[in-house]
Amino acid sequence: GSKLTVGRFRLDIRKKLLPVRVMRHWHRLHTEAVDAPSLEVFKARLDWALSNL
């Protein structure tokens, strides 16, 4: 799977930026969704994963 990393930062304002907030959820996704071969397949797998929460 594709793992994203968060850099260290001093200011709390960076914690509220979209990439930082998204990474926490990205790592919880199934590998099948993350490794989708196309955007359409990713969207379908993401919809499936979100419907099973």
PDB file of N, CA and C in Angstrom:
ATOM      1  N   GLY A   1       0.810  -1.189   0.000  1.00  0.00           N
ATOM      2  CA  GLY A   1       0.000   0.000   0.000  1.00  0.00           C
ATOM      3  C   GLY A   1       0.848   1.244   0.000  1.00  0.00           C
ATOM      4  N   SER A   2       0.231   2.327  -0.286  1.00  0.00           N
ATOM      5  CA  SER A   2       0.903   3.619  -0.299  1.00  0.00           C
ATOM      6  C   SER A   2       0.714   4.299   1.042  1.00  0.00           C
ATOM      7  N   LYS A   3       1.777   4.409   1.797  1.00  0.00           N
ATOM      8  CA  LYS A   3       1.709   5.052   3.103  1.00  0.00           C
ATOM      9  C   LYS A   3       2.172   6.499   2.974  1.00  0.00           C
ATOM     10  N   LEU A   4       1.476   7.389   3.626  1.00  0.00           N
ATOM     11  CA  LEU A   4       1.827   8.797   3.647  1.00  0.00           C
ATOM     12  C   LEU A   4       2.460   9.108   4.987  1.00  0.00           C
ATOM     13  N   THR A   5       3.323  10.098   5.014  1.00  0.00           N
ATOM     14  CA  THR A   5       3.960  10.466   6.276  1.00  0.00           C
ATOM     15  C   THR A   5       3.655  11.912   6.611  1.00  0.00           C
ATOM     16  N   VAL A   6       3.639  12.193   7.889  1.00  0.00           N
ATOM     17  CA  VAL A   6       3.403  13.547   8.376  1.00  0.00           C
ATOM     18  C   VAL A   6       4.709  14.073   8.932  1.00  0.00           C
ATOM     19  N   GLY A   7       5.109  15.246   8.465  1.00  0.00           N
ATOM     20  CA  GLY A   7       6.303  15.866   9.007  1.00  0.00           C
ATOM     21  C   GLY A   7       6.024  16.456  10.374  1.00  0.00           C
ATOM     22  N   ARG A   8       7.064  16.680  11.130  1.00  0.00           N
ATOM     23  CA  ARG A   8       6.898  17.291  12.446  1.00  0.00           C
ATOM     24  C   ARG A   8       6.794  18.799  12.271  1.00  0.00           C
ATOM     25  N   PHE A   9       6.006  19.429  13.092  1.00  0.00           N
ATOM     26  CA  PHE A   9       5.822  20.868  12.982  1.00  0.00           C
ATOM     27  C   PHE A   9       5.563  21.455  14.354  1.00  0.00           C
ATOM     28  N   ARG A  10       5.883  22.717  14.496  1.00  0.00           N
ATOM     29  CA  ARG A  10       5.753  23.396  15.783  1.00  0.00           C
ATOM     30  C   ARG A  10       4.391  24.048  15.964  1.00  0.00           C
ATOM     31  N   LEU A  11       3.861  24.588  14.913  1.00  0.00           N
ATOM     32  CA  LEU A  11       2.631  25.358  15.029  1.00  0.00           C
ATOM     33  C   LEU A  11       1.404  24.462  14.923  1.00  0.00           C
ATOM     34  N   ASP A  12       0.428  24.698  15.770  1.00  0.00           N
ATOM     35  CA  ASP A  12      -0.805  23.919  15.746  1.00  0.00           C
ATOM     36  C   ASP A  12      -1.620  24.166  14.483  1.00  0.00           C
ATOM     37  N   ILE A  13      -1.403  25.280  13.813  1.00  0.00           N
ATOM     38  CA  ILE A  13      -2.199  25.607  12.631  1.00  0.00           C
ATOM     39  C   ILE A  13      -2.003  24.564  11.529  1.00  0.00           C
ATOM     40  N   ARG A  14      -0.821  23.969  11.437  1.00  0.00           N
ATOM     41  CA  ARG A  14      -0.571  22.961  10.402  1.00  0.00           C
ATOM     42  C   ARG A  14      -1.378  21.699  10.638  1.00  0.00           C
ATOM     43  N   LYS A  15      -1.741  21.418  11.882  1.00  0.00           N
ATOM     44  CA  LYS A  15      -2.521  20.216  12.183  1.00  0.00           C
ATOM     45  C   LYS A  15      -3.904  20.279  11.554  1.00  0.00           C
ATOM     46  N   LYS A  16      -4.350  21.474  11.213  1.00  0.00           N
ATOM     47  CA  LYS A  16      -5.687  21.653  10.655  1.00  0.00           C
ATOM     48  C   LYS A  16      -5.700  21.669   9.132  1.00  0.00           C
ATOM     49  N   LEU A  17      -4.555  21.562   8.508  1.00  0.00           N
ATOM     50  CA  LEU A  17      -4.491  21.554   7.050  1.00  0.00           C
ATOM     51  C   LEU A  17      -5.045  20.242   6.502  1.00  0.00           C
ATOM     52  N   LEU A  18      -5.623  20.306   5.331  1.00  0.00           N
ATOM     53  CA  LEU A  18      -6.270  19.145   4.727  1.00  0.00           C
ATOM     54  C   LEU A  18      -5.353  17.925   4.607  1.00  0.00           C
ATOM     55  N   PRO A  19      -4.138  18.046   4.081  1.00  0.00           N
ATOM     56  CA  PRO A  19      -3.306  16.838   3.960  1.00  0.00           C
ATOM     57  C   PRO A  19      -3.044  16.143   5.294  1.00  0.00           C
ATOM     58  N   VAL A  20      -2.875  16.899   6.341  1.00  0.00           N
ATOM     59  CA  VAL A  20      -2.609  16.312   7.654  1.00  0.00           C
ATOM     60  C   VAL A  20      -3.847  15.583   8.161  1.00  0.00           C
ATOM     61  N   ARG A  21      -5.020  16.167   7.959  1.00  0.00           N
ATOM     62  CA  ARG A  21      -6.263  15.534   8.412  1.00  0.00           C
ATOM     63  C   ARG A  21      -6.602  14.300   7.590  1.00  0.00           C
ATOM     64  N   VAL A  22      -6.278  14.328   6.299  1.00  0.00           N
ATOM     65  CA  VAL A  22      -6.629  13.227   5.405  1.00  0.00           C
ATOM     66  C   VAL A  22      -5.760  11.996   5.656  1.00  0.00           C
ATOM     67  N   MET A  23      -4.499  12.183   6.010  1.00  0.00           N
ATOM     68  CA  MET A  23      -3.591  11.051   6.186  1.00  0.00           C
ATOM     69  C   MET A  23      -4.084  10.054   7.217  1.00  0.00           C
ATOM     70  N   ARG A  24      -4.667  10.534   8.281  1.00  0.00           N
ATOM     71  CA  ARG A  24      -5.176   9.643   9.330  1.00  0.00           C
ATOM     72  C   ARG A  24      -6.216   8.686   8.744  1.00  0.00           C
ATOM     73  N   HIS A  25      -7.080   9.193   7.880  1.00  0.00           N
ATOM     74  CA  HIS A  25      -8.120   8.364   7.267  1.00  0.00           C
ATOM     75  C   HIS A  25      -7.562   7.501   6.133  1.00  0.00           C
ATOM     76  N   TRP A  26      -6.573   8.032   5.418  1.00  0.00           N
ATOM     77  CA  TRP A  26      -5.973   7.302   4.307  1.00  0.00           C
ATOM     78  C   TRP A  26      -5.384   5.978   4.787  1.00  0.00           C
ATOM     79  N   HIS A  27      -4.712   6.007   5.934  1.00  0.00           N
ATOM     80  CA  HIS A  27      -4.066   4.798   6.445  1.00  0.00           C
ATOM     81  C   HIS A  27      -5.076   3.760   6.918  1.00  0.00           C
ATOM     82  N   ARG A  28      -6.308   4.156   7.153  1.00  0.00           N
ATOM     83  CA  ARG A  28      -7.343   3.215   7.579  1.00  0.00           C
ATOM     84  C   ARG A  28      -8.044   2.537   6.405  1.00  0.00           C
ATOM     85  N   LEU A  29      -7.826   3.036   5.197  1.00  0.00           N
ATOM     86  CA  LEU A  29      -8.476   2.452   4.021  1.00  0.00           C
ATOM     87  C   LEU A  29      -7.920   1.062   3.720  1.00  0.00           C
ATOM     88  N   HIS A  30      -8.763   0.237   3.118  1.00  0.00           N
ATOM     89  CA  HIS A  30      -8.319  -1.087   2.691  1.00  0.00           C
ATOM     90  C   HIS A  30      -7.280  -0.937   1.589  1.00  0.00           C
ATOM     91  N   THR A  31      -6.360  -1.860   1.528  1.00  0.00           N
ATOM     92  CA  THR A  31      -5.313  -1.839   0.514  1.00  0.00           C
ATOM     93  C   THR A  31      -5.902  -1.879  -0.890  1.00  0.00           C
ATOM     94  N   GLU A  32      -7.012  -2.569  -1.062  1.00  0.00           N
ATOM     95  CA  GLU A  32      -7.634  -2.664  -2.382  1.00  0.00           C
ATOM     96  C   GLU A  32      -8.056  -1.286  -2.893  1.00  0.00           C
ATOM     97  N   ALA A  33      -8.524  -0.433  -2.003  1.00  0.00           N
ATOM     98  CA  ALA A  33      -8.937   0.913  -2.415  1.00  0.00           C
ATOM     99  C   ALA A  33      -7.723   1.779  -2.715  1.00  0.00           C
ATOM    100  N   VAL A  34      -6.722   1.711  -1.863  1.00  0.00           N
ATOM    101  CA  VAL A  34      -5.530   2.550  -2.033  1.00  0.00           C
ATOM    102  C   VAL A  34      -4.778   2.184  -3.311  1.00  0.00           C
ATOM    103  N   ASP A  35      -4.715   0.906  -3.625  1.00  0.00           N
ATOM    104  CA  ASP A  35      -3.965   0.442  -4.792  1.00  0.00           C
ATOM    105  C   ASP A  35      -4.833   0.298  -6.036  1.00  0.00           C
ATOM    106  N   ALA A  36      -5.934   1.018  -6.100  1.00  0.00           N
ATOM    107  CA  ALA A  36      -6.837   0.936  -7.253  1.00  0.00           C
ATOM    108  C   ALA A  36      -6.107   1.394  -8.516  1.00  0.00           C
ATOM    109  N   PRO A  37      -6.359   0.721  -9.634  1.00  0.00           N
ATOM    110  CA  PRO A  37      -5.660   1.057 -10.873  1.00  0.00           C
ATOM    111  C   PRO A  37      -6.148   2.344 -11.550  1.00  0.00           C
ATOM    112  N   SER A  38      -7.335   2.823 -11.190  1.00  0.00           N
ATOM    113  CA  SER A  38      -7.856   4.040 -11.816  1.00  0.00           C
ATOM    114  C   SER A  38      -8.686   4.824 -10.802  1.00  0.00           C
ATOM    115  N   LEU A  39      -8.983   6.051 -11.136  1.00  0.00           N
ATOM    116  CA  LEU A  39      -9.781   6.898 -10.257  1.00  0.00           C
ATOM    117  C   LEU A  39     -11.194   6.347 -10.101  1.00  0.00           C
ATOM    118  N   GLU A  40     -11.760   5.844 -11.183  1.00  0.00           N
ATOM    119  CA  GLU A  40     -13.115   5.295 -11.116  1.00  0.00           C
ATOM    120  C   GLU A  40     -13.177   4.087 -10.179  1.00  0.00           C
ATOM    121  N   VAL A  41     -12.183   3.222 -10.264  1.00  0.00           N
ATOM    122  CA  VAL A  41     -12.134   2.044  -9.394  1.00  0.00           C
ATOM    123  C   VAL A  41     -11.923   2.485  -7.950  1.00  0.00           C
ATOM    124  N   PHE A  42     -11.054   3.477  -7.744  1.00  0.00           N
ATOM    125  CA  PHE A  42     -10.826   3.995  -6.392  1.00  0.00           C
ATOM    126  C   PHE A  42     -12.125   4.530  -5.794  1.00  0.00           C
ATOM    127  N   LYS A  43     -12.875   5.312  -6.579  1.00  0.00           N
ATOM    128  CA  LYS A  43     -14.135   5.873  -6.085  1.00  0.00           C
ATOM    129  C   LYS A  43     -15.128   4.777  -5.713  1.00  0.00           C
ATOM    130  N   ALA A  44     -15.221   3.750  -6.553  1.00  0.00           N
ATOM    131  CA  ALA A  44     -16.148   2.648  -6.276  1.00  0.00           C
ATOM    132  C   ALA A  44     -15.741   1.915  -5.004  1.00  0.00           C
ATOM    133  N   ARG A  45     -14.453   1.659  -4.855  1.00  0.00           N
ATOM    134  CA  ARG A  45     -13.974   0.951  -3.662  1.00  0.00           C
ATOM    135  C   ARG A  45     -14.089   1.814  -2.418  1.00  0.00           C
ATOM    136  N   LEU A  46     -13.894   3.114  -2.565  1.00  0.00           N
ATOM    137  CA  LEU A  46     -14.053   4.026  -1.435  1.00  0.00           C
ATOM    138  C   LEU A  46     -15.510   4.070  -0.993  1.00  0.00           C
ATOM    139  N   ASP A  47     -16.428   4.154  -1.952  1.00  0.00           N
ATOM    140  CA  ASP A  47     -17.859   4.129  -1.616  1.00  0.00           C
ATOM    141  C   ASP A  47     -18.219   2.851  -0.872  1.00  0.00           C
ATOM    142  N   TRP A  48     -17.672   1.726  -1.332  1.00  0.00           N
ATOM    143  CA  TRP A  48     -17.944   0.445  -0.681  1.00  0.00           C
ATOM    144  C   TRP A  48     -17.393   0.450   0.746  1.00  0.00           C
ATOM    145  N   ALA A  49     -16.170   0.949   0.918  1.00  0.00           N
ATOM    146  CA  ALA A  49     -15.552   0.966   2.247  1.00  0.00           C
ATOM    147  C   ALA A  49     -16.324   1.881   3.196  1.00  0.00           C
ATOM    148  N   LEU A  50     -16.773   3.028   2.710  1.00  0.00           N
ATOM    149  CA  LEU A  50     -17.503   3.968   3.566  1.00  0.00           C
ATOM    150  C   LEU A  50     -18.895   3.454   3.910  1.00  0.00           C
ATOM    151  N   SER A  51     -19.484   2.679   3.023  1.00  0.00           N
ATOM    152  CA  SER A  51     -20.815   2.143   3.316  1.00  0.00           C
ATOM    153  C   SER A  51     -20.763   1.016   4.346  1.00  0.00           C
ATOM    154  N   ASN A  52     -19.591   0.453   4.562  1.00  0.00           N
ATOM    155  CA  ASN A  52     -19.433  -0.647   5.514  1.00  0.00           C
ATOM    156  C   ASN A  52     -18.871  -0.190   6.855  1.00  0.00           C
ATOM    157  N   LEU A  53     -18.939   1.078   7.150  1.00  0.00           N
ATOM    158  CA  LEU A  53     -18.427   1.574   8.443  1.00  0.00           C
ATOM    159  C   LEU A  53     -19.392   1.279   9.559  1.00  0.00           C
TER     160      LEU A  53
END
